[in-house]
Amino acid sequence: QLFKATFLLSAFTFGGGFVIVSLMKKKFVEELKWLDESEML
């Protein structure tokens, strides 16, 4: 699941690291709930 999530995020992210950080937050905090918001920050 970790590989699939990071692969898809990286494949469909344009604009550099700042963009993928936002998408990681939505994926791992809001959707998968692996992390809380303070950890992601």
All heavy atoms as atom14 arrays in JSON, in Angstrom:
{
  "sequence": "QLFKATFLLSAFTFGGGFVIVSLMKKKFVEELKWLDESEML",
  "atom14_mask": [
    [1, 1, 1, 1, 1, 1, 1, 1, 1, 0, 0, 0, 0, 0],
    [1, 1, 1, 1, 1, 1, 1, 1, 0, 0, 0, 0, 0, 0],
    [1, 1, 1, 1, 1, 1, 1, 1, 1, 1, 1, 0, 0, 0],
    [1, 1, 1, 1, 1, 1, 1, 1, 1, 0, 0, 0, 0, 0],
    [1, 1, 1, 1, 1, 0, 0, 0, 0, 0, 0, 0, 0, 0],
    [1, 1, 1, 1, 1, 1, 1, 0, 0, 0, 0, 0, 0, 0],
    [1, 1, 1, 1, 1, 1, 1, 1, 1, 1, 1, 0, 0, 0],
    [1, 1, 1, 1, 1, 1, 1, 1, 0, 0, 0, 0, 0, 0],
    [1, 1, 1, 1, 1, 1, 1, 1, 0, 0, 0, 0, 0, 0],
    [1, 1, 1, 1, 1, 1, 0, 0, 0, 0, 0, 0, 0, 0],
    [1, 1, 1, 1, 1, 0, 0, 0, 0, 0, 0, 0, 0, 0],
    [1, 1, 1, 1, 1, 1, 1, 1, 1, 1, 1, 0, 0, 0],
    [1, 1, 1, 1, 1, 1, 1, 0, 0, 0, 0, 0, 0, 0],
    [1, 1, 1, 1, 1, 1, 1, 1, 1, 1, 1, 0, 0, 0],
    [1, 1, 1, 1, 0, 0, 0, 0, 0, 0, 0, 0, 0, 0],
    [1, 1, 1, 1, 0, 0, 0, 0, 0, 0, 0, 0, 0, 0],
    [1, 1, 1, 1, 0, 0, 0, 0, 0, 0, 0, 0, 0, 0],
    [1, 1, 1, 1, 1, 1, 1, 1, 1, 1, 1, 0, 0, 0],
    [1, 1, 1, 1, 1, 1, 1, 0, 0, 0, 0, 0, 0, 0],
    [1, 1, 1, 1, 1, 1, 1, 1, 0, 0, 0, 0, 0, 0],
    [1, 1, 1, 1, 1, 1, 1, 0, 0, 0, 0, 0, 0, 0],
    [1, 1, 1, 1, 1, 1, 0, 0, 0, 0, 0, 0, 0, 0],
    [1, 1, 1, 1, 1, 1, 1, 1, 0, 0, 0, 0, 0, 0],
    [1, 1, 1, 1, 1, 1, 1, 1, 0, 0, 0, 0, 0, 0],
    [1, 1, 1, 1, 1, 1, 1, 1, 1, 0, 0, 0, 0, 0],
    [1, 1, 1, 1, 1, 1, 1, 1, 1, 0, 0, 0, 0, 0],
    [1, 1, 1, 1, 1, 1, 1, 1, 1, 0, 0, 0, 0, 0],
    [1, 1, 1, 1, 1, 1, 1, 1, 1, 1, 1, 0, 0, 0],
    [1, 1, 1, 1, 1, 1, 1, 0, 0, 0, 0, 0, 0, 0],
    [1, 1, 1, 1, 1, 1, 1, 1, 1, 0, 0, 0, 0, 0],
    [1, 1, 1, 1, 1, 1, 1, 1, 1, 0, 0, 0, 0, 0],
    [1, 1, 1, 1, 1, 1, 1, 1, 0, 0, 0, 0, 0, 0],
    [1, 1, 1, 1, 1, 1, 1, 1, 1, 0, 0, 0, 0, 0],
    [1, 1, 1, 1, 1, 1, 1, 1, 1, 1, 1, 1, 1, 1],
    [1, 1, 1, 1, 1, 1, 1, 1, 0, 0, 0, 0, 0, 0],
    [1, 1, 1, 1, 1, 1, 1, 1, 0, 0, 0, 0, 0, 0],
    [1, 1, 1, 1, 1, 1, 1, 1, 1, 0, 0, 0, 0, 0],
    [1, 1, 1, 1, 1, 1, 0, 0, 0, 0, 0, 0, 0, 0],
    [1, 1, 1, 1, 1, 1, 1, 1, 1, 0, 0, 0, 0, 0],
    [1, 1, 1, 1, 1, 1, 1, 1, 0, 0, 0, 0, 0, 0],
    [1, 1, 1, 1, 1, 1, 1, 1, 0, 0, 0, 0, 0, 0]
  ],
  "atom14_positions": [
    [[0.83, -1.2, 0.0], [0.0, 0.0, 0.0], [0.87, 1.26, 0.0], [0.55, 2.25, -0.67], [-0.92, 0.0, 1.23], [-2.12, 0.91, 1.1], [-3.13, 0.66, 2.2], [-2.86, -0.02, 3.17], [-4.31, 1.24, 2.06], [0.0, 0.0, 0.0], [0.0, 0.0, 0.0], [0.0, 0.0, 0.0], [0.0, 0.0, 0.0], [0.0, 0.0, 0.0]],
    [[1.98, 1.2, 0.73], [2.91, 2.34, 0.78], [3.54, 2.56, -0.59], [3.62, 3.7, -1.07], [4.0, 2.05, 1.82], [5.07, 3.12, 2.03], [4.45, 4.41, 2.54], [6.13, 2.62, 3.0], [0.0, 0.0, 0.0], [0.0, 0.0, 0.0], [0.0, 0.0, 0.0], [0.0, 0.0, 0.0], [0.0, 0.0, 0.0], [0.0, 0.0, 0.0]],
    [[3.96, 1.47, -1.25], [4.56, 1.59, -2.57], [3.55, 2.13, -3.58], [3.85, 3.04, -4.36], [5.07, 0.22, -3.04], [5.56, 0.22, -4.47], [6.83, 0.7, -4.77], [4.75, -0.23, -5.5], [7.28, 0.72, -6.09], [5.2, -0.22, -6.82], [6.47, 0.26, -7.11], [0.0, 0.0, 0.0], [0.0, 0.0, 0.0], [0.0, 0.0, 0.0]],
    [[2.34, 1.59, -3.55], [1.31, 2.02, -4.49], [0.97, 3.5, -4.3], [0.84, 4.25, -5.27], [0.07, 1.16, -4.31], [-1.02, 1.42, -5.34], [-2.13, 0.35, -5.25], [-2.84, 0.39, -3.93], [-4.0, -0.52, -3.88], [0.0, 0.0, 0.0], [0.0, 0.0, 0.0], [0.0, 0.0, 0.0], [0.0, 0.0, 0.0], [0.0, 0.0, 0.0]],
    [[0.85, 3.92, -3.03], [0.49, 5.31, -2.75], [1.59, 6.27, -3.2], [1.31, 7.27, -3.87], [0.22, 5.48, -1.26], [0.0, 0.0, 0.0], [0.0, 0.0, 0.0], [0.0, 0.0, 0.0], [0.0, 0.0, 0.0], [0.0, 0.0, 0.0], [0.0, 0.0, 0.0], [0.0, 0.0, 0.0], [0.0, 0.0, 0.0], [0.0, 0.0, 0.0]],
    [[2.85, 5.96, -2.87], [3.94, 6.86, -3.24], [4.16, 6.85, -4.76], [4.48, 7.89, -5.35], [5.25, 6.45, -2.53], [5.5, 5.05, -2.74], [5.15, 6.71, -1.04], [0.0, 0.0, 0.0], [0.0, 0.0, 0.0], [0.0, 0.0, 0.0], [0.0, 0.0, 0.0], [0.0, 0.0, 0.0], [0.0, 0.0, 0.0], [0.0, 0.0, 0.0]],
    [[3.96, 5.69, -5.4], [4.13, 5.61, -6.86], [3.1, 6.47, -7.58], [3.43, 7.25, -8.48], [4.0, 4.15, -7.31], [4.27, 3.93, -8.77], [5.55, 3.64, -9.21], [3.26, 4.03, -9.71], [5.82, 3.45, -10.57], [3.5, 3.85, -11.06], [4.79, 3.56, -11.49], [0.0, 0.0, 0.0], [0.0, 0.0, 0.0], [0.0, 0.0, 0.0]],
    [[1.84, 6.35, -7.17], [0.78, 7.12, -7.82], [0.91, 8.61, -7.56], [0.71, 9.44, -8.44], [-0.59, 6.62, -7.35], [-0.98, 5.21, -7.81], [-2.3, 4.78, -7.18], [-1.08, 5.15, -9.34], [0.0, 0.0, 0.0], [0.0, 0.0, 0.0], [0.0, 0.0, 0.0], [0.0, 0.0, 0.0], [0.0, 0.0, 0.0], [0.0, 0.0, 0.0]],
    [[1.27, 8.97, -6.32], [1.47, 10.38, -6.0], [2.59, 10.98, -6.84], [2.47, 12.08, -7.38], [1.79, 10.55, -4.51], [0.63, 10.41, -3.52], [1.16, 10.45, -2.09], [-0.4, 11.49, -3.73], [0.0, 0.0, 0.0], [0.0, 0.0, 0.0], [0.0, 0.0, 0.0], [0.0, 0.0, 0.0], [0.0, 0.0, 0.0], [0.0, 0.0, 0.0]],
    [[3.7, 10.24, -6.95], [4.83, 10.74, -7.72], [4.53, 10.8, -9.21], [4.98, 11.72, -9.9], [6.05, 9.85, -7.46], [7.19, 10.33, -8.13], [0.0, 0.0, 0.0], [0.0, 0.0, 0.0], [0.0, 0.0, 0.0], [0.0, 0.0, 0.0], [0.0, 0.0, 0.0], [0.0, 0.0, 0.0], [0.0, 0.0, 0.0], [0.0, 0.0, 0.0]],
    [[3.74, 9.83, -9.69], [3.45, 9.77, -11.13], [2.53, 10.9, -11.58], [2.61, 11.35, -12.73], [2.82, 8.42, -11.47], [0.0, 0.0, 0.0], [0.0, 0.0, 0.0], [0.0, 0.0, 0.0], [0.0, 0.0, 0.0], [0.0, 0.0, 0.0], [0.0, 0.0, 0.0], [0.0, 0.0, 0.0], [0.0, 0.0, 0.0], [0.0, 0.0, 0.0]],
    [[1.65, 11.37, -10.71], [0.66, 12.36, -11.12], [0.85, 13.71, -10.43], [-0.09, 14.5, -10.31], [-0.75, 11.83, -10.85], [-1.09, 10.63, -11.67], [-1.01, 9.36, -11.11], [-1.46, 10.75, -13.0], [-1.31, 8.23, -11.88], [-1.75, 9.64, -13.77], [-1.67, 8.37, -13.2], [0.0, 0.0, 0.0], [0.0, 0.0, 0.0], [0.0, 0.0, 0.0]],
    [[2.07, 13.97, -9.96], [2.37, 15.24, -9.32], [3.25, 16.08, -10.22], [4.32, 15.63, -10.64], [3.08, 15.01, -7.97], [2.21, 14.29, -7.1], [3.41, 16.34, -7.32], [0.0, 0.0, 0.0], [0.0, 0.0, 0.0], [0.0, 0.0, 0.0], [0.0, 0.0, 0.0], [0.0, 0.0, 0.0], [0.0, 0.0, 0.0], [0.0, 0.0, 0.0]],
    [[2.81, 17.29, -10.52], [3.58, 18.23, -11.31], [3.76, 19.5, -10.5], [2.82, 19.98, -9.87], [2.87, 18.55, -12.63], [2.69, 17.35, -13.52], [1.56, 16.55, -13.42], [3.66, 17.02, -14.45], [1.39, 15.45, -14.23], [3.5, 15.91, -15.27], [2.37, 15.12, -15.16], [0.0, 0.0, 0.0], [0.0, 0.0, 0.0], [0.0, 0.0, 0.0]],
    [[4.98, 20.03, -10.53], [5.21, 21.29, -9.82], [6.21, 21.2, -8.7], [6.44, 22.17, -7.99], [0.0, 0.0, 0.0], [0.0, 0.0, 0.0], [0.0, 0.0, 0.0], [0.0, 0.0, 0.0], [0.0, 0.0, 0.0], [0.0, 0.0, 0.0], [0.0, 0.0, 0.0], [0.0, 0.0, 0.0], [0.0, 0.0, 0.0], [0.0, 0.0, 0.0]],
    [[6.81, 20.03, -8.48], [7.87, 19.94, -7.48], [7.41, 19.45, -6.13], [6.27, 19.02, -5.92], [0.0, 0.0, 0.0], [0.0, 0.0, 0.0], [0.0, 0.0, 0.0], [0.0, 0.0, 0.0], [0.0, 0.0, 0.0], [0.0, 0.0, 0.0], [0.0, 0.0, 0.0], [0.0, 0.0, 0.0], [0.0, 0.0, 0.0], [0.0, 0.0, 0.0]],
    [[8.34, 19.54, -5.16], [8.14, 18.95, -3.85], [7.03, 19.57, -3.04], [6.35, 18.88, -2.28], [0.0, 0.0, 0.0], [0.0, 0.0, 0.0], [0.0, 0.0, 0.0], [0.0, 0.0, 0.0], [0.0, 0.0, 0.0], [0.0, 0.0, 0.0], [0.0, 0.0, 0.0], [0.0, 0.0, 0.0], [0.0, 0.0, 0.0], [0.0, 0.0, 0.0]],
    [[6.81, 20.88, -3.18], [5.78, 21.53, -2.39], [4.39, 20.99, -2.75], [3.5, 20.94, -1.9], [5.82, 23.04, -2.6], [7.07, 23.67, -2.07], [8.09, 24.05, -2.92], [7.24, 23.87, -0.71], [9.25, 24.62, -2.44], [8.39, 24.44, -0.21], [9.41, 24.81, -1.07], [0.0, 0.0, 0.0], [0.0, 0.0, 0.0], [0.0, 0.0, 0.0]],
    [[4.22, 20.61, -4.0], [2.93, 20.06, -4.42], [2.71, 18.68, -3.83], [1.63, 18.36, -3.32], [2.86, 20.0, -5.96], [1.55, 19.38, -6.41], [3.01, 21.39, -6.55], [0.0, 0.0, 0.0], [0.0, 0.0, 0.0], [0.0, 0.0, 0.0], [0.0, 0.0, 0.0], [0.0, 0.0, 0.0], [0.0, 0.0, 0.0], [0.0, 0.0, 0.0]],
    [[3.73, 17.83, -3.88], [3.57, 16.46, -3.4], [3.36, 16.42, -1.89], [2.72, 15.51, -1.37], [4.77, 15.58, -3.82], [4.36, 14.1, -3.78], [5.97, 15.82, -2.95], [5.38, 13.16, -4.38], [0.0, 0.0, 0.0], [0.0, 0.0, 0.0], [0.0, 0.0, 0.0], [0.0, 0.0, 0.0], [0.0, 0.0, 0.0], [0.0, 0.0, 0.0]],
    [[3.9, 17.41, -1.17], [3.68, 17.45, 0.28], [2.19, 17.62, 0.58], [1.64, 16.96, 1.46], [4.5, 18.6, 0.91], [3.99, 18.92, 2.31], [5.97, 18.23, 0.96], [0.0, 0.0, 0.0], [0.0, 0.0, 0.0], [0.0, 0.0, 0.0], [0.0, 0.0, 0.0], [0.0, 0.0, 0.0], [0.0, 0.0, 0.0], [0.0, 0.0, 0.0]],
    [[1.53, 18.48, -0.17], [0.09, 18.68, 0.02], [-0.68, 17.4, -0.3], [-1.61, 17.02, 0.43], [-0.39, 19.82, -0.87], [-1.79, 19.97, -0.79], [0.0, 0.0, 0.0], [0.0, 0.0, 0.0], [0.0, 0.0, 0.0], [0.0, 0.0, 0.0], [0.0, 0.0, 0.0], [0.0, 0.0, 0.0], [0.0, 0.0, 0.0], [0.0, 0.0, 0.0]],
    [[-0.29, 16.73, -1.39], [-0.98, 15.5, -1.77], [-0.71, 14.37, -0.78], [-1.59, 13.53, -0.51], [-0.55, 15.08, -3.18], [-0.89, 16.08, -4.29], [-0.37, 15.58, -5.63], [-2.4, 16.3, -4.37], [0.0, 0.0, 0.0], [0.0, 0.0, 0.0], [0.0, 0.0, 0.0], [0.0, 0.0, 0.0], [0.0, 0.0, 0.0], [0.0, 0.0, 0.0]],
    [[0.5, 14.33, -0.22], [0.82, 13.34, 0.81], [-0.06, 13.55, 2.04], [-0.52, 12.58, 2.66], [2.29, 13.46, 1.21], [3.25, 12.74, 0.29], [4.96, 12.85, 0.89], [5.75, 11.63, -0.18], [0.0, 0.0, 0.0], [0.0, 0.0, 0.0], [0.0, 0.0, 0.0], [0.0, 0.0, 0.0], [0.0, 0.0, 0.0], [0.0, 0.0, 0.0]],
    [[-0.26, 14.81, 2.4], [-1.12, 15.12, 3.54], [-2.53, 14.58, 3.32], [-3.12, 13.95, 4.2], [-1.15, 16.62, 3.78], [-2.11, 17.08, 4.86], [-2.04, 18.58, 5.03], [-3.1, 19.06, 6.0], [-4.47, 18.87, 5.51], [0.0, 0.0, 0.0], [0.0, 0.0, 0.0], [0.0, 0.0, 0.0], [0.0, 0.0, 0.0], [0.0, 0.0, 0.0]],
    [[-3.06, 14.82, 2.14], [-4.42, 14.34, 1.85], [-4.49, 12.81, 1.84], [-5.48, 12.23, 2.28], [-4.88, 14.91, 0.51], [-5.2, 16.4, 0.53], [-5.64, 16.9, -0.83], [-6.13, 18.33, -0.76], [-5.13, 19.27, -0.26], [0.0, 0.0, 0.0], [0.0, 0.0, 0.0], [0.0, 0.0, 0.0], [0.0, 0.0, 0.0], [0.0, 0.0, 0.0]],
    [[-3.42, 12.17, 1.33], [-3.42, 10.72, 1.22], [-3.2, 10.04, 2.56], [-3.98, 9.16, 2.97], [-2.32, 10.29, 0.23], [-2.28, 8.79, -0.04], [-3.49, 8.34, -0.82], [-3.41, 6.86, -1.16], [-4.59, 6.41, -1.91], [0.0, 0.0, 0.0], [0.0, 0.0, 0.0], [0.0, 0.0, 0.0], [0.0, 0.0, 0.0], [0.0, 0.0, 0.0]],
    [[-2.14, 10.42, 3.27], [-1.72, 9.69, 4.45], [-2.37, 10.18, 5.74], [-2.43, 9.43, 6.71], [-0.2, 9.74, 4.59], [0.53, 9.1, 3.45], [1.33, 9.85, 2.6], [0.42, 7.74, 3.21], [1.99, 9.26, 1.54], [1.08, 7.14, 2.16], [1.85, 7.9, 1.32], [0.0, 0.0, 0.0], [0.0, 0.0, 0.0], [0.0, 0.0, 0.0]],
    [[-2.86, 11.41, 5.74], [-3.51, 11.94, 6.94], [-5.03, 11.8, 6.83], [-5.68, 11.24, 7.71], [-3.12, 13.42, 7.17], [-3.89, 14.0, 8.36], [-1.62, 13.54, 7.4], [0.0, 0.0, 0.0], [0.0, 0.0, 0.0], [0.0, 0.0, 0.0], [0.0, 0.0, 0.0], [0.0, 0.0, 0.0], [0.0, 0.0, 0.0], [0.0, 0.0, 0.0]],
    [[-5.59, 12.31, 5.74], [-7.04, 12.36, 5.63], [-7.65, 11.05, 5.12], [-8.72, 10.65, 5.58], [-7.44, 13.51, 4.69], [-6.98, 14.87, 5.21], [-7.24, 15.99, 4.22], [-7.92, 15.73, 3.2], [-6.75, 17.12, 4.44], [0.0, 0.0, 0.0], [0.0, 0.0, 0.0], [0.0, 0.0, 0.0], [0.0, 0.0, 0.0], [0.0, 0.0, 0.0]],
    [[-6.98, 10.39, 4.17], [-7.56, 9.19, 3.58], [-7.16, 7.91, 4.32], [-8.01, 7.17, 4.82], [-7.14, 9.08, 2.11], [-7.78, 7.92, 1.37], [-7.38, 7.87, -0.09], [-7.07, 8.94, -0.66], [-7.35, 6.76, -0.66], [0.0, 0.0, 0.0], [0.0, 0.0, 0.0], [0.0, 0.0, 0.0], [0.0, 0.0, 0.0], [0.0, 0.0, 0.0]],
    [[-5.85, 7.64, 4.41], [-5.38, 6.41, 5.06], [-5.31, 6.53, 6.58], [-5.29, 5.51, 7.28], [-4.0, 6.04, 4.51], [-3.94, 5.68, 3.03], [-2.5, 5.41, 2.6], [-4.81, 4.46, 2.72], [0.0, 0.0, 0.0], [0.0, 0.0, 0.0], [0.0, 0.0, 0.0], [0.0, 0.0, 0.0], [0.0, 0.0, 0.0], [0.0, 0.0, 0.0]],
    [[-5.21, 7.77, 7.09], [-5.15, 8.03, 8.53], [-3.95, 7.32, 9.18], [-4.03, 6.83, 10.3], [-6.46, 7.62, 9.22], [-7.67, 8.36, 8.69], [-8.91, 8.1, 9.5], [-10.13, 8.75, 8.88], [-9.98, 10.22, 8.75], [0.0, 0.0, 0.0], [0.0, 0.0, 0.0], [0.0, 0.0, 0.0], [0.0, 0.0, 0.0], [0.0, 0.0, 0.0]],
    [[-2.84, 7.27, 8.47], [-1.61, 6.7, 9.02], [-0.91, 7.69, 9.93], [-0.19, 7.3, 10.84], [-0.66, 6.29, 7.88], [-1.08, 5.04, 7.17], [-2.12, 4.23, 7.49], [-0.46, 4.44, 6.02], [-2.2, 3.17, 6.61], [-1.19, 3.27, 5.71], [0.64, 4.79, 5.24], [-0.85, 2.45, 4.64], [0.97, 3.97, 4.17], [0.24, 2.81, 3.88]],
    [[-1.09, 8.97, 9.67], [-0.43, 10.02, 10.43], [-1.46, 11.05, 10.88], [-2.53, 11.15, 10.28], [0.63, 10.72, 9.58], [1.72, 9.86, 8.92], [2.49, 10.7, 7.91], [2.66, 9.29, 9.95], [0.0, 0.0, 0.0], [0.0, 0.0, 0.0], [0.0, 0.0, 0.0], [0.0, 0.0, 0.0], [0.0, 0.0, 0.0], [0.0, 0.0, 0.0]],
    [[-1.12, 11.79, 11.94], [-1.96, 12.95, 12.25], [-1.34, 14.19, 11.62], [-0.23, 14.15, 11.08], [-2.14, 13.11, 13.77], [-0.82, 13.27, 14.5], [0.11, 13.87, 13.93], [-0.7, 12.77, 15.64], [0.0, 0.0, 0.0], [0.0, 0.0, 0.0], [0.0, 0.0, 0.0], [0.0, 0.0, 0.0], [0.0, 0.0, 0.0], [0.0, 0.0, 0.0]],
    [[-2.05, 15.28, 11.68], [-1.64, 16.48, 10.95], [-0.32, 17.04, 11.48], [0.5, 17.54, 10.71], [-2.74, 17.54, 11.02], [-2.55, 18.66, 10.03], [-3.83, 19.46, 9.8], [-4.9, 18.97, 10.15], [-3.71, 20.57, 9.25], [0.0, 0.0, 0.0], [0.0, 0.0, 0.0], [0.0, 0.0, 0.0], [0.0, 0.0, 0.0], [0.0, 0.0, 0.0]],
    [[-0.12, 16.96, 12.8], [1.11, 17.5, 13.37], [2.33, 16.69, 12.91], [3.39, 17.26, 12.65], [1.04, 17.5, 14.9], [0.9, 16.17, 15.39], [0.0, 0.0, 0.0], [0.0, 0.0, 0.0], [0.0, 0.0, 0.0], [0.0, 0.0, 0.0], [0.0, 0.0, 0.0], [0.0, 0.0, 0.0], [0.0, 0.0, 0.0], [0.0, 0.0, 0.0]],
    [[2.18, 15.36, 12.8], [3.28, 14.53, 12.3], [3.62, 14.88, 10.86], [4.79, 14.95, 10.47], [2.91, 13.04, 12.39], [3.03, 12.44, 13.78], [2.72, 10.95, 13.77], [1.57, 10.59, 13.44], [3.61, 10.15, 14.09], [0.0, 0.0, 0.0], [0.0, 0.0, 0.0], [0.0, 0.0, 0.0], [0.0, 0.0, 0.0], [0.0, 0.0, 0.0]],
    [[2.58, 15.06, 10.03], [2.81, 15.41, 8.64], [3.48, 16.76, 8.52], [4.33, 16.98, 7.64], [1.47, 15.41, 7.88], [1.63, 15.42, 6.37], [2.41, 13.94, 5.72], [3.58, 14.64, 4.57], [0.0, 0.0, 0.0], [0.0, 0.0, 0.0], [0.0, 0.0, 0.0], [0.0, 0.0, 0.0], [0.0, 0.0, 0.0], [0.0, 0.0, 0.0]],
    [[3.12, 17.67, 9.4], [3.75, 19.0, 9.4], [5.23, 18.88, 9.75], [6.08, 19.53, 9.12], [3.04, 19.92, 10.39], [3.53, 21.37, 10.46], [3.33, 22.06, 9.12], [2.82, 22.12, 11.57], [0.0, 0.0, 0.0], [0.0, 0.0, 0.0], [0.0, 0.0, 0.0], [0.0, 0.0, 0.0], [0.0, 0.0, 0.0], [0.0, 0.0, 0.0]]
  ]
}
